[in-house]
PDB file of N, CA and C in Angstrom:
ATOM      1  N   GLU A   1      40.155 -17.430 -35.515  1.00  0.00           N
ATOM      2  CA  GLU A   1      40.190 -17.370 -36.969  1.00  0.00           C
ATOM      3  C   GLU A   1      39.032 -18.191 -37.533  1.00  0.00           C
ATOM      4  N   VAL A   2      38.344 -17.609 -38.476  1.00  0.00           N
ATOM      5  CA  VAL A   2      37.224 -18.288 -39.121  1.00  0.00           C
ATOM      6  C   VAL A   2      37.722 -19.033 -40.345  1.00  0.00           C
ATOM      7  N   THR A   3      37.353 -20.301 -40.443  1.00  0.00           N
ATOM      8  CA  THR A   3      37.625 -21.058 -41.668  1.00  0.00           C
ATOM      9  C   THR A   3      36.356 -21.774 -42.103  1.00  0.00           C
ATOM     10  N   LEU A   4      36.180 -21.831 -43.408  1.00  0.00           N
ATOM     11  CA  LEU A   4      35.082 -22.557 -44.035  1.00  0.00           C
ATOM     12  C   LEU A   4      35.700 -23.493 -45.064  1.00  0.00           C
ATOM     13  N   VAL A   5      35.407 -24.778 -44.945  1.00  0.00           N
ATOM     14  CA  VAL A   5      36.014 -25.761 -45.834  1.00  0.00           C
ATOM     15  C   VAL A   5      34.918 -26.557 -46.515  1.00  0.00           C
ATOM     16  N   GLU A   6      34.822 -26.389 -47.830  1.00  0.00           N
ATOM     17  CA  GLU A   6      33.819 -27.099 -48.619  1.00  0.00           C
ATOM     18  C   GLU A   6      34.367 -28.433 -49.121  1.00  0.00           C
ATOM     19  N   SER A   7      33.475 -29.369 -49.305  1.00  0.00           N
ATOM     20  CA  SER A   7      33.828 -30.661 -49.892  1.00  0.00           C
ATOM     21  C   SER A   7      32.575 -31.276 -50.497  1.00  0.00           C
ATOM     22  N   GLY A   8      32.764 -32.379 -51.216  1.00  0.00           N
ATOM     23  CA  GLY A   8      31.625 -33.101 -51.770  1.00  0.00           C
ATOM     24  C   GLY A   8      31.411 -32.910 -53.252  1.00  0.00           C
ATOM     25  N   GLY A   9      32.201 -32.051 -53.863  1.00  0.00           N
ATOM     26  CA  GLY A   9      32.069 -31.854 -55.299  1.00  0.00           C
ATOM     27  C   GLY A   9      32.602 -33.052 -56.065  1.00  0.00           C
ATOM     28  N   GLY A  10      32.424 -32.994 -57.375  1.00  0.00           N
ATOM     29  CA  GLY A  10      32.917 -34.073 -58.217  1.00  0.00           C
ATOM     30  C   GLY A  10      32.283 -34.023 -59.586  1.00  0.00           C
ATOM     31  N   LEU A  11      32.486 -35.107 -60.325  1.00  0.00           N
ATOM     32  CA  LEU A  11      31.918 -35.249 -61.661  1.00  0.00           C
ATOM     33  C   LEU A  11      30.661 -36.109 -61.567  1.00  0.00           C
ATOM     34  N   VAL A  12      29.574 -35.615 -62.120  1.00  0.00           N
ATOM     35  CA  VAL A  12      28.308 -36.336 -62.066  1.00  0.00           C
ATOM     36  C   VAL A  12      27.604 -36.180 -63.409  1.00  0.00           C
ATOM     37  N   GLN A  13      26.834 -37.180 -63.785  1.00  0.00           N
ATOM     38  CA  GLN A  13      26.081 -37.115 -65.029  1.00  0.00           C
ATOM     39  C   GLN A  13      24.841 -36.247 -64.867  1.00  0.00           C
ATOM     40  N   PRO A  14      24.363 -35.672 -65.949  1.00  0.00           N
ATOM     41  CA  PRO A  14      23.101 -34.914 -65.863  1.00  0.00           C
ATOM     42  C   PRO A  14      21.998 -35.759 -65.241  1.00  0.00           C
ATOM     43  N   GLY A  15      21.244 -35.127 -64.349  1.00  0.00           N
ATOM     44  CA  GLY A  15      20.204 -35.828 -63.608  1.00  0.00           C
ATOM     45  C   GLY A  15      20.665 -36.419 -62.304  1.00  0.00           C
ATOM     46  N   GLY A  16      21.958 -36.410 -62.074  1.00  0.00           N
ATOM     47  CA  GLY A  16      22.504 -36.989 -60.851  1.00  0.00           C
ATOM     48  C   GLY A  16      22.414 -36.050 -59.668  1.00  0.00           C
ATOM     49  N   SER A  17      22.970 -36.501 -58.556  1.00  0.00           N
ATOM     50  CA  SER A  17      22.910 -35.755 -57.301  1.00  0.00           C
ATOM     51  C   SER A  17      24.290 -35.671 -56.657  1.00  0.00           C
ATOM     52  N   LEU A  18      24.467 -34.630 -55.906  1.00  0.00           N
ATOM     53  CA  LEU A  18      25.645 -34.456 -55.053  1.00  0.00           C
ATOM     54  C   LEU A  18      25.205 -33.751 -53.779  1.00  0.00           C
ATOM     55  N   ARG A  19      25.950 -33.990 -52.732  1.00  0.00           N
ATOM     56  CA  ARG A  19      25.717 -33.275 -51.473  1.00  0.00           C
ATOM     57  C   ARG A  19      27.001 -32.584 -51.074  1.00  0.00           C
ATOM     58  N   LEU A  20      26.971 -31.282 -51.068  1.00  0.00           N
ATOM     59  CA  LEU A  20      28.127 -30.499 -50.661  1.00  0.00           C
ATOM     60  C   LEU A  20      28.076 -30.249 -49.163  1.00  0.00           C
ATOM     61  N   SER A  21      29.260 -30.205 -48.552  1.00  0.00           N
ATOM     62  CA  SER A  21      29.386 -29.902 -47.136  1.00  0.00           C
ATOM     63  C   SER A  21      30.285 -28.693 -46.955  1.00  0.00           C
ATOM     64  N   CYS A  22      30.029 -27.952 -45.924  1.00  0.00           N
ATOM     65  CA  CYS A  22      30.862 -26.813 -45.556  1.00  0.00           C
ATOM     66  C   CYS A  22      31.079 -26.882 -44.052  1.00  0.00           C
ATOM     67  N   VAL A  23      32.288 -27.245 -43.666  1.00  0.00           N
ATOM     68  CA  VAL A  23      32.626 -27.348 -42.251  1.00  0.00           C
ATOM     69  C   VAL A  23      33.135 -25.995 -41.778  1.00  0.00           C
ATOM     70  N   ALA A  24      32.498 -25.474 -40.753  1.00  0.00           N
ATOM     71  CA  ALA A  24      32.853 -24.155 -40.239  1.00  0.00           C
ATOM     72  C   ALA A  24      33.602 -24.277 -38.929  1.00  0.00           C
ATOM     73  N   SER A  25      34.607 -23.459 -38.773  1.00  0.00           N
ATOM     74  CA  SER A  25      35.278 -23.325 -37.486  1.00  0.00           C
ATOM     75  C   SER A  25      35.528 -21.847 -37.232  1.00  0.00           C
ATOM     76  N   GLY A  26      35.517 -21.489 -35.958  1.00  0.00           N
ATOM     77  CA  GLY A  26      35.693 -20.082 -35.609  1.00  0.00           C
ATOM     78  C   GLY A  26      34.423 -19.259 -35.699  1.00  0.00           C
ATOM     79  N   LEU A  27      33.320 -19.887 -36.121  1.00  0.00           N
ATOM     80  CA  LEU A  27      32.026 -19.235 -36.095  1.00  0.00           C
ATOM     81  C   LEU A  27      30.961 -20.302 -35.873  1.00  0.00           C
ATOM     82  N   THR A  28      29.833 -19.870 -35.324  1.00  0.00           N
ATOM     83  CA  THR A  28      28.727 -20.775 -35.048  1.00  0.00           C
ATOM     84  C   THR A  28      27.673 -20.566 -36.125  1.00  0.00           C
ATOM     85  N   ILE A  29      27.501 -21.555 -37.000  1.00  0.00           N
ATOM     86  CA  ILE A  29      26.681 -21.305 -38.188  1.00  0.00           C
ATOM     87  C   ILE A  29      25.217 -21.059 -37.842  1.00  0.00           C
ATOM     88  N   ARG A  30      24.747 -21.571 -36.689  1.00  0.00           N
ATOM     89  CA  ARG A  30      23.335 -21.346 -36.369  1.00  0.00           C
ATOM     90  C   ARG A  30      23.088 -19.891 -35.989  1.00  0.00           C
ATOM     91  N   GLU A  31      24.158 -19.163 -35.693  1.00  0.00           N
ATOM     92  CA  GLU A  31      24.017 -17.755 -35.308  1.00  0.00           C
ATOM     93  C   GLU A  31      24.197 -16.822 -36.495  1.00  0.00           C
ATOM     94  N   ASN A  32      24.408 -17.399 -37.668  1.00  0.00           N
ATOM     95  CA  ASN A  32      24.678 -16.594 -38.852  1.00  0.00           C
ATOM     96  C   ASN A  32      23.799 -17.039 -40.015  1.00  0.00           C
ATOM     97  N   SER A  33      23.461 -16.099 -40.878  1.00  0.00           N
ATOM     98  CA  SER A  33      22.934 -16.482 -42.172  1.00  0.00           C
ATOM     99  C   SER A  33      24.096 -17.027 -42.994  1.00  0.00           C
ATOM    100  N   MET A  34      23.878 -18.167 -43.596  1.00  0.00           N
ATOM    101  CA  MET A  34      24.923 -18.812 -44.379  1.00  0.00           C
ATOM    102  C   MET A  34      24.458 -18.948 -45.818  1.00  0.00           C
ATOM    103  N   THR A  35      25.391 -18.781 -46.723  1.00  0.00           N
ATOM    104  CA  THR A  35      25.063 -18.687 -48.144  1.00  0.00           C
ATOM    105  C   THR A  35      25.952 -19.599 -48.971  1.00  0.00           C
ATOM    106  N   TRP A  36      25.375 -20.140 -50.009  1.00  0.00           N
ATOM    107  CA  TRP A  36      26.126 -20.832 -51.058  1.00  0.00           C
ATOM    108  C   TRP A  36      26.119 -19.939 -52.312  1.00  0.00           C
ATOM    109  N   VAL A  37      27.289 -19.773 -52.879  1.00  0.00           N
ATOM    110  CA  VAL A  37      27.427 -19.099 -54.161  1.00  0.00           C
ATOM    111  C   VAL A  37      28.229 -20.011 -55.082  1.00  0.00           C
ATOM    112  N   ARG A  38      28.204 -19.719 -56.363  1.00  0.00           N
ATOM    113  CA  ARG A  38      28.973 -20.525 -57.313  1.00  0.00           C
ATOM    114  C   ARG A  38      29.567 -19.644 -58.389  1.00  0.00           C
ATOM    115  N   GLN A  39      30.601 -20.163 -59.014  1.00  0.00           N
ATOM    116  CA  GLN A  39      31.252 -19.445 -60.101  1.00  0.00           C
ATOM    117  C   GLN A  39      31.523 -20.419 -61.239  1.00  0.00           C
ATOM    118  N   ALA A  40      30.830 -20.210 -62.323  1.00  0.00           N
ATOM    119  CA  ALA A  40      31.032 -21.027 -63.518  1.00  0.00           C
ATOM    120  C   ALA A  40      32.262 -20.524 -64.267  1.00  0.00           C
ATOM    121  N   PRO A  41      32.837 -21.372 -65.097  1.00  0.00           N
ATOM    122  CA  PRO A  41      34.032 -20.960 -65.845  1.00  0.00           C
ATOM    123  C   PRO A  41      33.786 -19.685 -66.640  1.00  0.00           C
ATOM    124  N   GLY A  42      34.649 -18.704 -66.442  1.00  0.00           N
ATOM    125  CA  GLY A  42      34.569 -17.459 -67.189  1.00  0.00           C
ATOM    126  C   GLY A  42      33.464 -16.519 -66.768  1.00  0.00           C
ATOM    127  N   LYS A  43      32.796 -16.834 -65.645  1.00  0.00           N
ATOM    128  CA  LYS A  43      31.684 -15.991 -65.195  1.00  0.00           C
ATOM    129  C   LYS A  43      31.924 -15.498 -63.779  1.00  0.00           C
ATOM    130  N   GLY A  44      31.099 -14.563 -63.342  1.00  0.00           N
ATOM    131  CA  GLY A  44      31.201 -14.026 -61.995  1.00  0.00           C
ATOM    132  C   GLY A  44      30.495 -14.894 -60.981  1.00  0.00           C
ATOM    133  N   LEU A  45      30.559 -14.474 -59.732  1.00  0.00           N
ATOM    134  CA  LEU A  45      29.891 -15.207 -58.669  1.00  0.00           C
ATOM    135  C   LEU A  45      28.378 -15.104 -58.838  1.00  0.00           C
ATOM    136  N   GLU A  46      27.717 -16.212 -58.602  1.00  0.00           N
ATOM    137  CA  GLU A  46      26.262 -16.279 -58.692  1.00  0.00           C
ATOM    138  C   GLU A  46      25.712 -16.787 -57.367  1.00  0.00           C
ATOM    139  N   TRP A  47      24.772 -16.051 -56.800  1.00  0.00           N
ATOM    140  CA  TRP A  47      24.126 -16.508 -55.573  1.00  0.00           C
ATOM    141  C   TRP A  47      23.273 -17.738 -55.868  1.00  0.00           C
ATOM    142  N   VAL A  48      23.365 -18.728 -54.962  1.00  0.00           N
ATOM    143  CA  VAL A  48      22.623 -19.974 -55.125  1.00  0.00           C
ATOM    144  C   VAL A  48      21.550 -20.121 -54.047  1.00  0.00           C
ATOM    145  N   SER A  49      21.958 -19.963 -52.786  1.00  0.00           N
ATOM    146  CA  SER A  49      21.014 -20.231 -51.704  1.00  0.00           C
ATOM    147  C   SER A  49      21.511 -19.594 -50.421  1.00  0.00           C
ATOM    148  N   THR A  50      20.574 -19.214 -49.581  1.00  0.00           N
ATOM    149  CA  THR A  50      20.868 -18.696 -48.244  1.00  0.00           C
ATOM    150  C   THR A  50      19.929 -19.349 -47.241  1.00  0.00           C
ATOM    151  N   ILE A  51      20.472 -19.660 -46.092  1.00  0.00           N
ATOM    152  CA  ILE A  51      19.640 -20.081 -44.967  1.00  0.00           C
ATOM    153  C   ILE A  51      19.856 -19.071 -43.860  1.00  0.00           C
ATOM    154  N   THR A  52      18.763 -18.490 -43.380  1.00  0.00           N
ATOM    155  CA  THR A  52      18.877 -17.428 -42.393  1.00  0.00           C
ATOM    156  C   THR A  52      19.101 -17.989 -40.988  1.00  0.00           C
ATOM    157  N   ARG A  53      19.347 -17.082 -40.058  1.00  0.00           N
ATOM    158  CA  ARG A  53      19.513 -17.507 -38.659  1.00  0.00           C
ATOM    159  C   ARG A  53      18.235 -18.156 -38.136  1.00  0.00           C
ATOM    160  N   ASN A  54      17.113 -17.748 -38.690  1.00  0.00           N
ATOM    161  CA  ASN A  54      15.825 -18.332 -38.290  1.00  0.00           C
ATOM    162  C   ASN A  54      15.495 -19.605 -39.080  1.00  0.00           C
ATOM    163  N   ASN A  55      16.484 -20.098 -39.813  1.00  0.00           N
ATOM    164  CA  ASN A  55      16.344 -21.353 -40.560  1.00  0.00           C
ATOM    165  C   ASN A  55      15.399 -21.234 -41.749  1.00  0.00           C
ATOM    166  N   ASN A  56      15.237 -20.046 -42.280  1.00  0.00           N
ATOM    167  CA  ASN A  56      14.445 -19.874 -43.486  1.00  0.00           C
ATOM    168  C   ASN A  56      15.357 -19.989 -44.704  1.00  0.00           C
ATOM    169  N   PRO A  57      15.037 -20.893 -45.632  1.00  0.00           N
ATOM    170  CA  PRO A  57      15.873 -21.052 -46.816  1.00  0.00           C
ATOM    171  C   PRO A  57      15.375 -20.216 -47.998  1.00  0.00           C
ATOM    172  N   PHE A  58      16.302 -19.755 -48.784  1.00  0.00           N
ATOM    173  CA  PHE A  58      15.986 -19.012 -49.998  1.00  0.00           C
ATOM    174  C   PHE A  58      16.849 -19.569 -51.130  1.00  0.00           C
ATOM    175  N   TYR A  59      16.290 -19.569 -52.332  1.00  0.00           N
ATOM    176  CA  TYR A  59      16.977 -20.177 -53.469  1.00  0.00           C
ATOM    177  C   TYR A  59      16.883 -19.291 -54.698  1.00  0.00           C
ATOM    178  N   ALA A  60      17.939 -19.342 -55.505  1.00  0.00           N
ATOM    179  CA  ALA A  60      17.868 -18.727 -56.828  1.00  0.00           C
ATOM    180  C   ALA A  60      16.847 -19.490 -57.666  1.00  0.00           C
ATOM    181  N   ASP A  61      16.202 -18.796 -58.561  1.00  0.00           N
ATOM    182  CA  ASP A  61      15.184 -19.437 -59.404  1.00  0.00           C
ATOM    183  C   ASP A  61      15.779 -20.610 -60.182  1.00  0.00           C
ATOM    184  N   SER A  62      17.037 -20.490 -60.540  1.00  0.00           N
ATOM    185  CA  SER A  62      17.668 -21.522 -61.367  1.00  0.00           C
ATOM    186  C   SER A  62      17.842 -22.853 -60.639  1.00  0.00           C
ATOM    187  N   VAL A  63      17.778 -22.845 -59.300  1.00  0.00           N
ATOM    188  CA  VAL A  63      17.980 -24.085 -58.546  1.00  0.00           C
ATOM    189  C   VAL A  63      16.778 -24.456 -57.698  1.00  0.00           C
ATOM    190  N   LYS A  64      15.790 -23.604 -57.662  1.00  0.00           N
ATOM    191  CA  LYS A  64      14.612 -23.845 -56.816  1.00  0.00           C
ATOM    192  C   LYS A  64      13.934 -25.155 -57.212  1.00  0.00           C
ATOM    193  N   GLY A  65      13.631 -25.950 -56.206  1.00  0.00           N
ATOM    194  CA  GLY A  65      12.998 -27.240 -56.454  1.00  0.00           C
ATOM    195  C   GLY A  65      13.981 -28.367 -56.695  1.00  0.00           C
ATOM    196  N   ARG A  66      15.250 -28.031 -56.877  1.00  0.00           N
ATOM    197  CA  ARG A  66      16.277 -29.057 -57.117  1.00  0.00           C
ATOM    198  C   ARG A  66      17.313 -29.097 -56.003  1.00  0.00           C
ATOM    199  N   PHE A  67      17.615 -27.952 -55.420  1.00  0.00           N
ATOM    200  CA  PHE A  67      18.630 -27.849 -54.382  1.00  0.00           C
ATOM    201  C   PHE A  67      17.961 -27.619 -53.030  1.00  0.00           C
ATOM    202  N   THR A  68      18.586 -28.130 -51.977  1.00  0.00           N
ATOM    203  CA  THR A  68      18.104 -27.923 -50.617  1.00  0.00           C
ATOM    204  C   THR A  68      19.275 -27.563 -49.722  1.00  0.00           C
ATOM    205  N   VAL A  69      19.148 -26.451 -49.008  1.00  0.00           N
ATOM    206  CA  VAL A  69      20.185 -26.027 -48.070  1.00  0.00           C
ATOM    207  C   VAL A  69      19.768 -26.468 -46.669  1.00  0.00           C
ATOM    208  N   GLU A  70      20.720 -27.012 -45.940  1.00  0.00           N
ATOM    209  CA  GLU A  70      20.438 -27.500 -44.587  1.00  0.00           C
ATOM    210  C   GLU A  70      21.608 -27.152 -43.685  1.00  0.00           C
ATOM    211  N   ARG A  71      21.303 -27.147 -42.405  1.00  0.00           N
ATOM    212  CA  ARG A  71      22.331 -26.814 -41.434  1.00  0.00           C
ATOM    213  C   ARG A  71      22.287 -27.836 -40.304  1.00  0.00           C
ATOM    214  N   ASP A  72      23.424 -28.430 -39.992  1.00  0.00           N
ATOM    215  CA  ASP A  72      23.551 -29.301 -38.811  1.00  0.00           C
ATOM    216  C   ASP A  72      24.252 -28.472 -37.745  1.00  0.00           C
ATOM    217  N   SER A  73      23.454 -27.912 -36.856  1.00  0.00           N
ATOM    218  CA  SER A  73      24.025 -27.009 -35.851  1.00  0.00           C
ATOM    219  C   SER A  73      24.925 -27.740 -34.876  1.00  0.00           C
ATOM    220  N   ALA A  74      24.603 -28.990 -34.580  1.00  0.00           N
ATOM    221  CA  ALA A  74      25.416 -29.751 -33.621  1.00  0.00           C
ATOM    222  C   ALA A  74      26.825 -29.971 -34.169  1.00  0.00           C
ATOM    223  N   LYS A  75      26.909 -30.234 -35.485  1.00  0.00           N
ATOM    224  CA  LYS A  75      28.215 -30.478 -36.092  1.00  0.00           C
ATOM    225  C   LYS A  75      28.833 -29.204 -36.670  1.00  0.00           C
ATOM    226  N   ASN A  76      28.034 -28.124 -36.708  1.00  0.00           N
ATOM    227  CA  ASN A  76      28.498 -26.867 -37.289  1.00  0.00           C
ATOM    228  C   ASN A  76      28.852 -27.022 -38.766  1.00  0.00           C
ATOM    229  N   ILE A  77      28.001 -27.736 -39.484  1.00  0.00           N
ATOM    230  CA  ILE A  77      28.218 -28.009 -40.902  1.00  0.00           C
ATOM    231  C   ILE A  77      27.016 -27.515 -41.703  1.00  0.00           C
ATOM    232  N   LEU A  78      27.303 -26.870 -42.802  1.00  0.00           N
ATOM    233  CA  LEU A  78      26.290 -26.432 -43.757  1.00  0.00           C
ATOM    234  C   LEU A  78      26.316 -27.394 -44.938  1.00  0.00           C
ATOM    235  N   TYR A  79      25.127 -27.734 -45.425  1.00  0.00           N
ATOM    236  CA  TYR A  79      25.029 -28.664 -46.553  1.00  0.00           C
ATOM    237  C   TYR A  79      24.276 -28.021 -47.716  1.00  0.00           C
ATOM    238  N   LEU A  80      24.551 -28.535 -48.895  1.00  0.00           N
ATOM    239  CA  LEU A  80      23.744 -28.209 -50.066  1.00  0.00           C
ATOM    240  C   LEU A  80      23.478 -29.518 -50.809  1.00  0.00           C
ATOM    241  N   GLN A  81      22.242 -29.987 -50.719  1.00  0.00           N
ATOM    242  CA  GLN A  81      21.838 -31.179 -51.447  1.00  0.00           C
ATOM    243  C   GLN A  81      21.409 -30.747 -52.838  1.00  0.00           C
ATOM    244  N   MET A  82      22.055 -31.313 -53.842  1.00  0.00           N
ATOM    245  CA  MET A  82      21.788 -30.920 -55.225  1.00  0.00           C
ATOM    246  C   MET A  82      21.272 -32.122 -55.994  1.00  0.00           C
ATOM    247  N   ASN A  83      20.058 -32.028 -56.463  1.00  0.00           N
ATOM    248  CA  ASN A  83      19.435 -33.098 -57.238  1.00  0.00           C
ATOM    249  C   ASN A  83      19.138 -32.614 -58.657  1.00  0.00           C
ATOM    250  N   ALA A  84      18.869 -33.559 -59.524  1.00  0.00           N
ATOM    251  CA  ALA A  84      18.512 -33.244 -60.916  1.00  0.00           C
ATOM    252  C   ALA A  84      19.518 -32.269 -61.529  1.00  0.00           C
ATOM    253  N   LEU A  85      20.787 -32.576 -61.346  1.00  0.00           N
ATOM    254  CA  LEU A  85      21.835 -31.657 -61.794  1.00  0.00           C
ATOM    255  C   LEU A  85      21.849 -31.520 -63.311  1.00  0.00           C
ATOM    256  N   ARG A  86      22.207 -30.331 -63.743  1.00  0.00           N
ATOM    257  CA  ARG A  86      22.257 -29.982 -65.170  1.00  0.00           C
ATOM    258  C   ARG A  86      23.660 -29.523 -65.533  1.00  0.00           C
ATOM    259  N   PRO A  87      24.021 -29.604 -66.799  1.00  0.00           N
ATOM    260  CA  PRO A  87      25.349 -29.107 -67.184  1.00  0.00           C
ATOM    261  C   PRO A  87      25.588 -27.651 -66.781  1.00  0.00           C
ATOM    262  N   GLU A  88      24.542 -26.853 -66.778  1.00  0.00           N
ATOM    263  CA  GLU A  88      24.707 -25.443 -66.406  1.00  0.00           C
ATOM    264  C   GLU A  88      24.942 -25.243 -64.912  1.00  0.00           C
ATOM    265  N   ASP A  89      24.862 -26.303 -64.127  1.00  0.00           N
ATOM    266  CA  ASP A  89      25.217 -26.222 -62.708  1.00  0.00           C
ATOM    267  C   ASP A  89      26.719 -26.378 -62.488  1.00  0.00           C
ATOM    268  N   THR A  90      27.449 -26.671 -63.548  1.00  0.00           N
ATOM    269  CA  THR A  90      28.900 -26.811 -63.434  1.00  0.00           C
ATOM    270  C   THR A  90      29.519 -25.502 -62.960  1.00  0.00           C
ATOM    271  N   ALA A  91      30.255 -25.586 -61.857  1.00  0.00           N
ATOM    272  CA  ALA A  91      30.840 -24.385 -61.253  1.00  0.00           C
ATOM    273  C   ALA A  91      31.662 -24.800 -60.052  1.00  0.00           C
ATOM    274  N   VAL A  92      32.413 -23.838 -59.537  1.00  0.00           N
ATOM    275  CA  VAL A  92      33.011 -23.993 -58.211  1.00  0.00           C
ATOM    276  C   VAL A  92      32.006 -23.425 -57.219  1.00  0.00           C
ATOM    277  N   TYR A  93      31.709 -24.214 -56.200  1.00  0.00           N
ATOM    278  CA  TYR A  93      30.712 -23.832 -55.196  1.00  0.00           C
ATOM    279  C   TYR A  93      31.416 -23.421 -53.906  1.00  0.00           C
ATOM    280  N   PHE A  94      30.998 -22.282 -53.380  1.00  0.00           N
ATOM    281  CA  PHE A  94      31.588 -21.726 -52.170  1.00  0.00           C
ATOM    282  C   PHE A  94      30.500 -21.535 -51.107  1.00  0.00           C
ATOM    283  N   CYS A  95      30.875 -21.741 -49.856  1.00  0.00           N
ATOM    284  CA  CYS A  95      29.994 -21.319 -48.775  1.00  0.00           C
ATOM    285  C   CYS A  95      30.592 -20.062 -48.141  1.00  0.00           C
ATOM    286  N   GLN A  96      29.716 -19.247 -47.571  1.00  0.00           N
ATOM    287  CA  GLN A  96      30.181 -17.998 -46.999  1.00  0.00           C
ATOM    288  C   GLN A  96      29.210 -17.485 -45.960  1.00  0.00           C
ATOM    289  N   ASP A  97      29.763 -16.679 -45.043  1.00  0.00           N
ATOM    290  CA  ASP A  97      28.908 -15.865 -44.199  1.00  0.00           C
ATOM    291  C   ASP A  97      29.086 -14.427 -44.695  1.00  0.00           C
ATOM    292  N   ASP A  98      28.810 -13.438 -43.868  1.00  0.00           N
ATOM    293  CA  ASP A  98      28.900 -12.054 -44.349  1.00  0.00           C
ATOM    294  C   ASP A  98      30.331 -11.624 -44.673  1.00  0.00           C
ATOM    295  N   SER A  99      31.300 -12.305 -44.053  1.00  0.00           N
ATOM    296  CA  SER A  99      32.667 -11.801 -44.154  1.00  0.00           C
ATOM    297  C   SER A  99      33.681 -12.819 -44.649  1.00  0.00           C
ATOM    298  N   HIS A 100      33.304 -14.068 -44.721  1.00  0.00           N
ATOM    299  CA  HIS A 100      34.271 -15.110 -45.020  1.00  0.00           C
ATOM    300  C   HIS A 100      33.728 -16.053 -46.085  1.00  0.00           C
ATOM    301  N   ARG A 101      34.641 -16.571 -46.880  1.00  0.00           N
ATOM    302  CA  ARG A 101      34.289 -17.528 -47.935  1.00  0.00           C
ATOM    303  C   ARG A 101      35.318 -18.634 -47.947  1.00  0.00           C
ATOM    304  N   GLY A 102      34.856 -19.859 -48.186  1.00  0.00           N
ATOM    305  CA  GLY A 102      35.788 -20.970 -48.268  1.00  0.00           C
ATOM    306  C   GLY A 102      36.546 -20.994 -49.586  1.00  0.00           C
ATOM    307  N   GLN A 103      37.279 -22.084 -49.783  1.00  0.00           N
ATOM    308  CA  GLN A 103      38.122 -22.194 -50.975  1.00  0.00           C
ATOM    309  C   GLN A 103      37.366 -22.790 -52.154  1.00  0.00           C
ATOM    310  N   GLY A 104      36.204 -23.366 -51.877  1.00  0.00           N
ATOM    311  CA  GLY A 104      35.354 -23.881 -52.935  1.00  0.00           C
ATOM    312  C   GLY A 104      35.559 -25.345 -53.235  1.00  0.00           C
ATOM    313  N   THR A 105      34.551 -25.927 -53.868  1.00  0.00           N
ATOM    314  CA  THR A 105      34.621 -27.306 -54.327  1.00  0.00           C
ATOM    315  C   THR A 105      34.035 -27.359 -55.737  1.00  0.00           C
ATOM    316  N   GLN A 106      34.711 -28.086 -56.614  1.00  0.00           N
ATOM    317  CA  GLN A 106      34.335 -28.119 -58.024  1.00  0.00           C
ATOM    318  C   GLN A 106      33.208 -29.120 -58.260  1.00  0.00           C
ATOM    319  N   VAL A 107      32.187 -28.671 -58.940  1.00  0.00           N
ATOM    320  CA  VAL A 107      31.095 -29.542 -59.382  1.00  0.00           C
ATOM    321  C   VAL A 107      31.073 -29.507 -60.910  1.00  0.00           C
ATOM    322  N   THR A 108      31.163 -30.676 -61.503  1.00  0.00           N
ATOM    323  CA  THR A 108      31.109 -30.782 -62.958  1.00  0.00           C
ATOM    324  C   THR A 108      29.984 -31.726 -63.344  1.00  0.00           C
ATOM    325  N   VAL A 109      29.071 -31.237 -64.145  1.00  0.00           N
ATOM    326  CA  VAL A 109      27.933 -32.042 -64.596  1.00  0.00           C
ATOM    327  C   VAL A 109      28.103 -32.277 -66.092  1.00  0.00           C
ATOM    328  N   SER A 110      28.380 -33.521 -66.440  1.00  0.00           N
ATOM    329  CA  SER A 110      28.674 -33.838 -67.831  1.00  0.00           C
ATOM    330  C   SER A 110      28.459 -35.317 -68.080  1.00  0.00           C
ATOM    331  N   SER A 111      28.052 -35.632 -69.286  1.00  0.00           N
ATOM    332  CA  SER A 111      27.915 -37.031 -69.664  1.00  0.00           C
ATOM    333  C   SER A 111      29.194 -37.512 -70.359  1.00  0.00           C
TER     334      SER A 111
END
C-alpha cells in the first residue's frame, strides 16, 4: 500500500519560510516523478512543482525563484522549501505521484 504523509505546514508571516516534508512508503520516490500541488480556499488544485526521476525540477511561474523541491532518496522523503512566502501562497499543500496523493498540510501566510 502506498502512503504519502505531508507535514511542516503552519502559520507564517509574509516573507517567512517553511519547509514541507512528504514521507513516502510503499513507493520509492527516486524512481518516480513527484509533484507538489496546492489548493487555496474555494479554488481548485494548482500545480506547484515537479521533480522528475532524473532529478530535474520544474516550478509554476508563481513560485519560481522562491520555492525549491528536493528529494532525499535515502530517507524516501520529498521536500518543498518555501521562502519569501506571500498571502496568496495560503493553501493546503499535497504531494503526489501519478496515482496517489497525501492528505495535505495547511500553509497559512498572514500577518
